[in-house]
Amino acid sequence: MAKIKMDQLVDFKNAGDFFEGNVIPLKGAYKINKIKKQVEEEFGYYSEKFQAIVDEFSQKDENGNPKFNKDEDQILIQEDKIDDCNKALEELQNLEVEINTYDLTLDDFGNDVTISPERLEPLMPFLS
């Protein structure tokens, strides 16, 4: 078992495409699949709470939907609620959950898998 912060869990979920393109030994694939199922379950909670924070602190359009900046890549936050929003997001990202890592090690990936340090980073909290 490992204590994983929600932001690390999100990073692991986002790194999932690494596993799609690489063949690893059966033992490693099994462990990764078991970890991914736990991550998906916890991510559901994260998504729900993240959406609640957006609903509470975002600026709304005339239909009650969150407003976005002109590039439409960031949600606009009510100016008097920015600090409260940041605090709520930080609490959510720092929330720790326990994940069974099944004693995942680098050896479980075999000798033929290559990975950049940047792609390895999201896996680090899950390795024994």
C-alpha atoms as a PDB file:
ATOM      1  CA  MET A   1       0.000   0.000   0.000  1.00  0.00           C
ATOM      2  CA  ALA A   2       1.136   3.505  -0.736  1.00  0.00           C
ATOM      3  CA  LYS A   3      -0.266   6.870   0.250  1.00  0.00           C
ATOM      4  CA  ILE A   4      -0.757   8.811  -2.953  1.00  0.00           C
ATOM      5  CA  LYS A   5      -1.830  12.440  -3.223  1.00  0.00           C
ATOM      6  CA  MET A   6      -4.699  13.173  -5.574  1.00  0.00           C
ATOM      7  CA  ASP A   7      -2.494  15.238  -7.886  1.00  0.00           C
ATOM      8  CA  GLN A   8      -0.140  12.242  -8.246  1.00  0.00           C
ATOM      9  CA  LEU A   9      -3.129  10.037  -8.954  1.00  0.00           C
ATOM     10  CA  VAL A  10      -4.250  12.418 -11.715  1.00  0.00           C
ATOM     11  CA  ASP A  11      -0.723  12.413 -13.176  1.00  0.00           C
ATOM     12  CA  PHE A  12      -0.738   8.596 -13.219  1.00  0.00           C
ATOM     13  CA  LYS A  13      -4.112   8.549 -14.949  1.00  0.00           C
ATOM     14  CA  ASN A  14      -2.898  11.030 -17.547  1.00  0.00           C
ATOM     15  CA  ALA A  15       0.208   8.898 -18.170  1.00  0.00           C
ATOM     16  CA  GLY A  16      -1.970   5.948 -19.115  1.00  0.00           C
ATOM     17  CA  ASP A  17      -1.159   6.303 -22.797  1.00  0.00           C
ATOM     18  CA  PHE A  18       2.361   5.057 -22.025  1.00  0.00           C
ATOM     19  CA  PHE A  19       0.937   1.663 -21.154  1.00  0.00           C
ATOM     20  CA  GLU A  20      -1.163   1.500 -24.319  1.00  0.00           C
ATOM     21  CA  GLY A  21       1.845   1.416 -26.620  1.00  0.00           C
ATOM     22  CA  ASN A  22       4.227  -0.784 -24.666  1.00  0.00           C
ATOM     23  CA  VAL A  23       4.213  -4.523 -24.168  1.00  0.00           C
ATOM     24  CA  ILE A  24       5.433  -5.467 -20.726  1.00  0.00           C
ATOM     25  CA  PRO A  25       5.675  -8.850 -19.004  1.00  0.00           C
ATOM     26  CA  LEU A  26       2.436 -10.412 -17.800  1.00  0.00           C
ATOM     27  CA  LYS A  27       3.246  -9.857 -14.117  1.00  0.00           C
ATOM     28  CA  GLY A  28       3.819  -6.134 -14.665  1.00  0.00           C
ATOM     29  CA  ALA A  29       0.743  -5.781 -16.872  1.00  0.00           C
ATOM     30  CA  TYR A  30      -1.361  -7.447 -14.188  1.00  0.00           C
ATOM     31  CA  LYS A  31      -0.101  -5.093 -11.486  1.00  0.00           C
ATOM     32  CA  ILE A  32      -0.605  -2.020 -13.683  1.00  0.00           C
ATOM     33  CA  ASN A  33      -4.174  -3.062 -14.514  1.00  0.00           C
ATOM     34  CA  LYS A  34      -4.982  -3.590 -10.830  1.00  0.00           C
ATOM     35  CA  ILE A  35      -3.510  -0.170  -9.974  1.00  0.00           C
ATOM     36  CA  LYS A  36      -5.357   1.494 -12.870  1.00  0.00           C
ATOM     37  CA  LYS A  37      -8.698   0.170 -11.575  1.00  0.00           C
ATOM     38  CA  GLN A  38      -8.062   1.733  -8.169  1.00  0.00           C
ATOM     39  CA  VAL A  39      -6.931   4.979  -9.771  1.00  0.00           C
ATOM     40  CA  GLU A  40     -10.094   5.118 -11.889  1.00  0.00           C
ATOM     41  CA  GLU A  41     -12.248   4.664  -8.792  1.00  0.00           C
ATOM     42  CA  GLU A  42     -10.461   7.412  -6.869  1.00  0.00           C
ATOM     43  CA  PHE A  43     -10.427   9.642  -9.951  1.00  0.00           C
ATOM     44  CA  GLY A  44     -14.223   9.519  -9.970  1.00  0.00           C
ATOM     45  CA  TYR A  45     -14.201  11.065  -6.504  1.00  0.00           C
ATOM     46  CA  TYR A  46     -11.611  13.644  -7.585  1.00  0.00           C
ATOM     47  CA  SER A  47     -13.654  14.617 -10.653  1.00  0.00           C
ATOM     48  CA  GLU A  48     -16.818  14.984  -8.594  1.00  0.00           C
ATOM     49  CA  LYS A  49     -15.130  17.240  -6.021  1.00  0.00           C
ATOM     50  CA  PHE A  50     -13.287  19.236  -8.716  1.00  0.00           C
ATOM     51  CA  GLN A  51     -16.604  19.897 -10.482  1.00  0.00           C
ATOM     52  CA  ALA A  52     -18.169  21.011  -7.191  1.00  0.00           C
ATOM     53  CA  ILE A  53     -15.316  23.516  -6.719  1.00  0.00           C
ATOM     54  CA  VAL A  54     -15.800  24.812 -10.274  1.00  0.00           C
ATOM     55  CA  ASP A  55     -19.538  25.124  -9.691  1.00  0.00           C
ATOM     56  CA  GLU A  56     -19.029  27.011  -6.453  1.00  0.00           C
ATOM     57  CA  PHE A  57     -16.299  29.456  -7.473  1.00  0.00           C
ATOM     58  CA  SER A  58     -16.554  30.005 -11.233  1.00  0.00           C
ATOM     59  CA  GLN A  59     -18.028  33.024 -12.936  1.00  0.00           C
ATOM     60  CA  LYS A  60     -21.254  32.048 -14.700  1.00  0.00           C
ATOM     61  CA  ASP A  61     -22.697  32.985 -18.071  1.00  0.00           C
ATOM     62  CA  GLU A  62     -26.362  33.834 -18.599  1.00  0.00           C
ATOM     63  CA  ASN A  63     -27.204  30.091 -18.695  1.00  0.00           C
ATOM     64  CA  GLY A  64     -25.456  29.365 -15.409  1.00  0.00           C
ATOM     65  CA  ASN A  65     -22.474  27.647 -17.047  1.00  0.00           C
ATOM     66  CA  PRO A  66     -18.868  28.466 -16.109  1.00  0.00           C
ATOM     67  CA  LYS A  67     -17.277  31.256 -18.124  1.00  0.00           C
ATOM     68  CA  PHE A  68     -13.932  30.757 -19.854  1.00  0.00           C
ATOM     69  CA  ASN A  69     -11.144  33.167 -20.740  1.00  0.00           C
ATOM     70  CA  LYS A  70     -10.851  34.404 -24.349  1.00  0.00           C
ATOM     71  CA  ASP A  71      -8.643  31.422 -25.309  1.00  0.00           C
ATOM     72  CA  GLU A  72     -11.254  29.118 -23.720  1.00  0.00           C
ATOM     73  CA  ASP A  73      -8.579  27.119 -21.905  1.00  0.00           C
ATOM     74  CA  GLN A  74      -9.191  28.373 -18.364  1.00  0.00           C
ATOM     75  CA  ILE A  75     -12.322  28.755 -16.279  1.00  0.00           C
ATOM     76  CA  LEU A  76     -12.833  32.231 -14.879  1.00  0.00           C
ATOM     77  CA  ILE A  77     -13.121  32.419 -11.104  1.00  0.00           C
ATOM     78  CA  GLN A  78     -15.138  35.025  -9.223  1.00  0.00           C
ATOM     79  CA  GLU A  79     -12.605  37.707  -8.334  1.00  0.00           C
ATOM     80  CA  ASP A  80     -13.546  37.815  -4.658  1.00  0.00           C
ATOM     81  CA  LYS A  81     -13.350  34.002  -4.417  1.00  0.00           C
ATOM     82  CA  ILE A  82      -9.921  33.319  -5.991  1.00  0.00           C
ATOM     83  CA  ASP A  83      -8.179  32.652  -2.661  1.00  0.00           C
ATOM     84  CA  ASP A  84     -10.987  30.383  -1.455  1.00  0.00           C
ATOM     85  CA  CYS A  85     -10.954  28.522  -4.771  1.00  0.00           C
ATOM     86  CA  ASN A  86      -7.186  28.051  -4.670  1.00  0.00           C
ATOM     87  CA  LYS A  87      -7.419  26.775  -1.095  1.00  0.00           C
ATOM     88  CA  ALA A  88     -10.164  24.285  -2.008  1.00  0.00           C
ATOM     89  CA  LEU A  89      -8.183  23.048  -5.036  1.00  0.00           C
ATOM     90  CA  GLU A  90      -5.010  22.695  -2.976  1.00  0.00           C
ATOM     91  CA  GLU A  91      -6.876  20.680  -0.337  1.00  0.00           C
ATOM     92  CA  LEU A  92      -8.284  18.402  -3.031  1.00  0.00           C
ATOM     93  CA  GLN A  93      -4.921  17.898  -4.740  1.00  0.00           C
ATOM     94  CA  ASN A  94      -3.168  17.171  -1.439  1.00  0.00           C
ATOM     95  CA  LEU A  95      -5.793  14.702  -0.230  1.00  0.00           C
ATOM     96  CA  GLU A  96      -4.092  11.345   0.317  1.00  0.00           C
ATOM     97  CA  VAL A  97      -5.588   8.032  -0.678  1.00  0.00           C
ATOM     98  CA  GLU A  98      -4.209   4.552  -0.148  1.00  0.00           C
ATOM     99  CA  ILE A  99      -3.505   2.553  -3.275  1.00  0.00           C
ATOM    100  CA  ASN A 100      -2.397  -1.054  -3.312  1.00  0.00           C
ATOM    101  CA  THR A 101       0.656  -0.967  -5.584  1.00  0.00           C
ATOM    102  CA  TYR A 102       1.057  -4.761  -5.574  1.00  0.00           C
ATOM    103  CA  ASP A 103       4.766  -4.166  -4.898  1.00  0.00           C
ATOM    104  CA  LEU A 104       5.262  -2.816  -8.435  1.00  0.00           C
ATOM    105  CA  THR A 105       8.956  -2.492  -9.261  1.00  0.00           C
ATOM    106  CA  LEU A 106      10.963  -1.472 -12.299  1.00  0.00           C
ATOM    107  CA  ASP A 107      11.728  -5.161 -12.849  1.00  0.00           C
ATOM    108  CA  ASP A 108       8.017  -5.719 -13.578  1.00  0.00           C
ATOM    109  CA  PHE A 109       8.427  -3.727 -16.806  1.00  0.00           C
ATOM    110  CA  GLY A 110      11.030  -6.096 -18.258  1.00  0.00           C
ATOM    111  CA  ASN A 111      14.287  -5.200 -19.934  1.00  0.00           C
ATOM    112  CA  ASP A 112      12.931  -4.075 -23.295  1.00  0.00           C
ATOM    113  CA  VAL A 113      10.837  -1.098 -22.149  1.00  0.00           C
ATOM    114  CA  THR A 114      12.405   2.311 -22.543  1.00  0.00           C
ATOM    115  CA  ILE A 115      10.972   5.441 -20.989  1.00  0.00           C
ATOM    116  CA  SER A 116      12.015   9.050 -20.605  1.00  0.00           C
ATOM    117  CA  PRO A 117      12.492  10.530 -17.127  1.00  0.00           C
ATOM    118  CA  GLU A 118       9.460  12.763 -17.732  1.00  0.00           C
ATOM    119  CA  ARG A 119       7.251   9.771 -18.503  1.00  0.00           C
ATOM    120  CA  LEU A 120       8.608   7.862 -15.512  1.00  0.00           C
ATOM    121  CA  GLU A 121       7.758  10.655 -13.060  1.00  0.00           C
ATOM    122  CA  PRO A 122       3.995   9.864 -12.743  1.00  0.00           C
ATOM    123  CA  LEU A 123       4.858   6.212 -12.009  1.00  0.00           C
ATOM    124  CA  MET A 124       7.365   6.928  -9.241  1.00  0.00           C
ATOM    125  CA  PRO A 125       4.876   7.139  -6.314  1.00  0.00           C
ATOM    126  CA  PHE A 126       3.552   3.687  -7.280  1.00  0.00           C
ATOM    127  CA  LEU A 127       6.907   1.902  -7.397  1.00  0.00           C
ATOM    128  CA  SER A 128       8.272  -0.093  -4.470  1.00  0.00           C
END
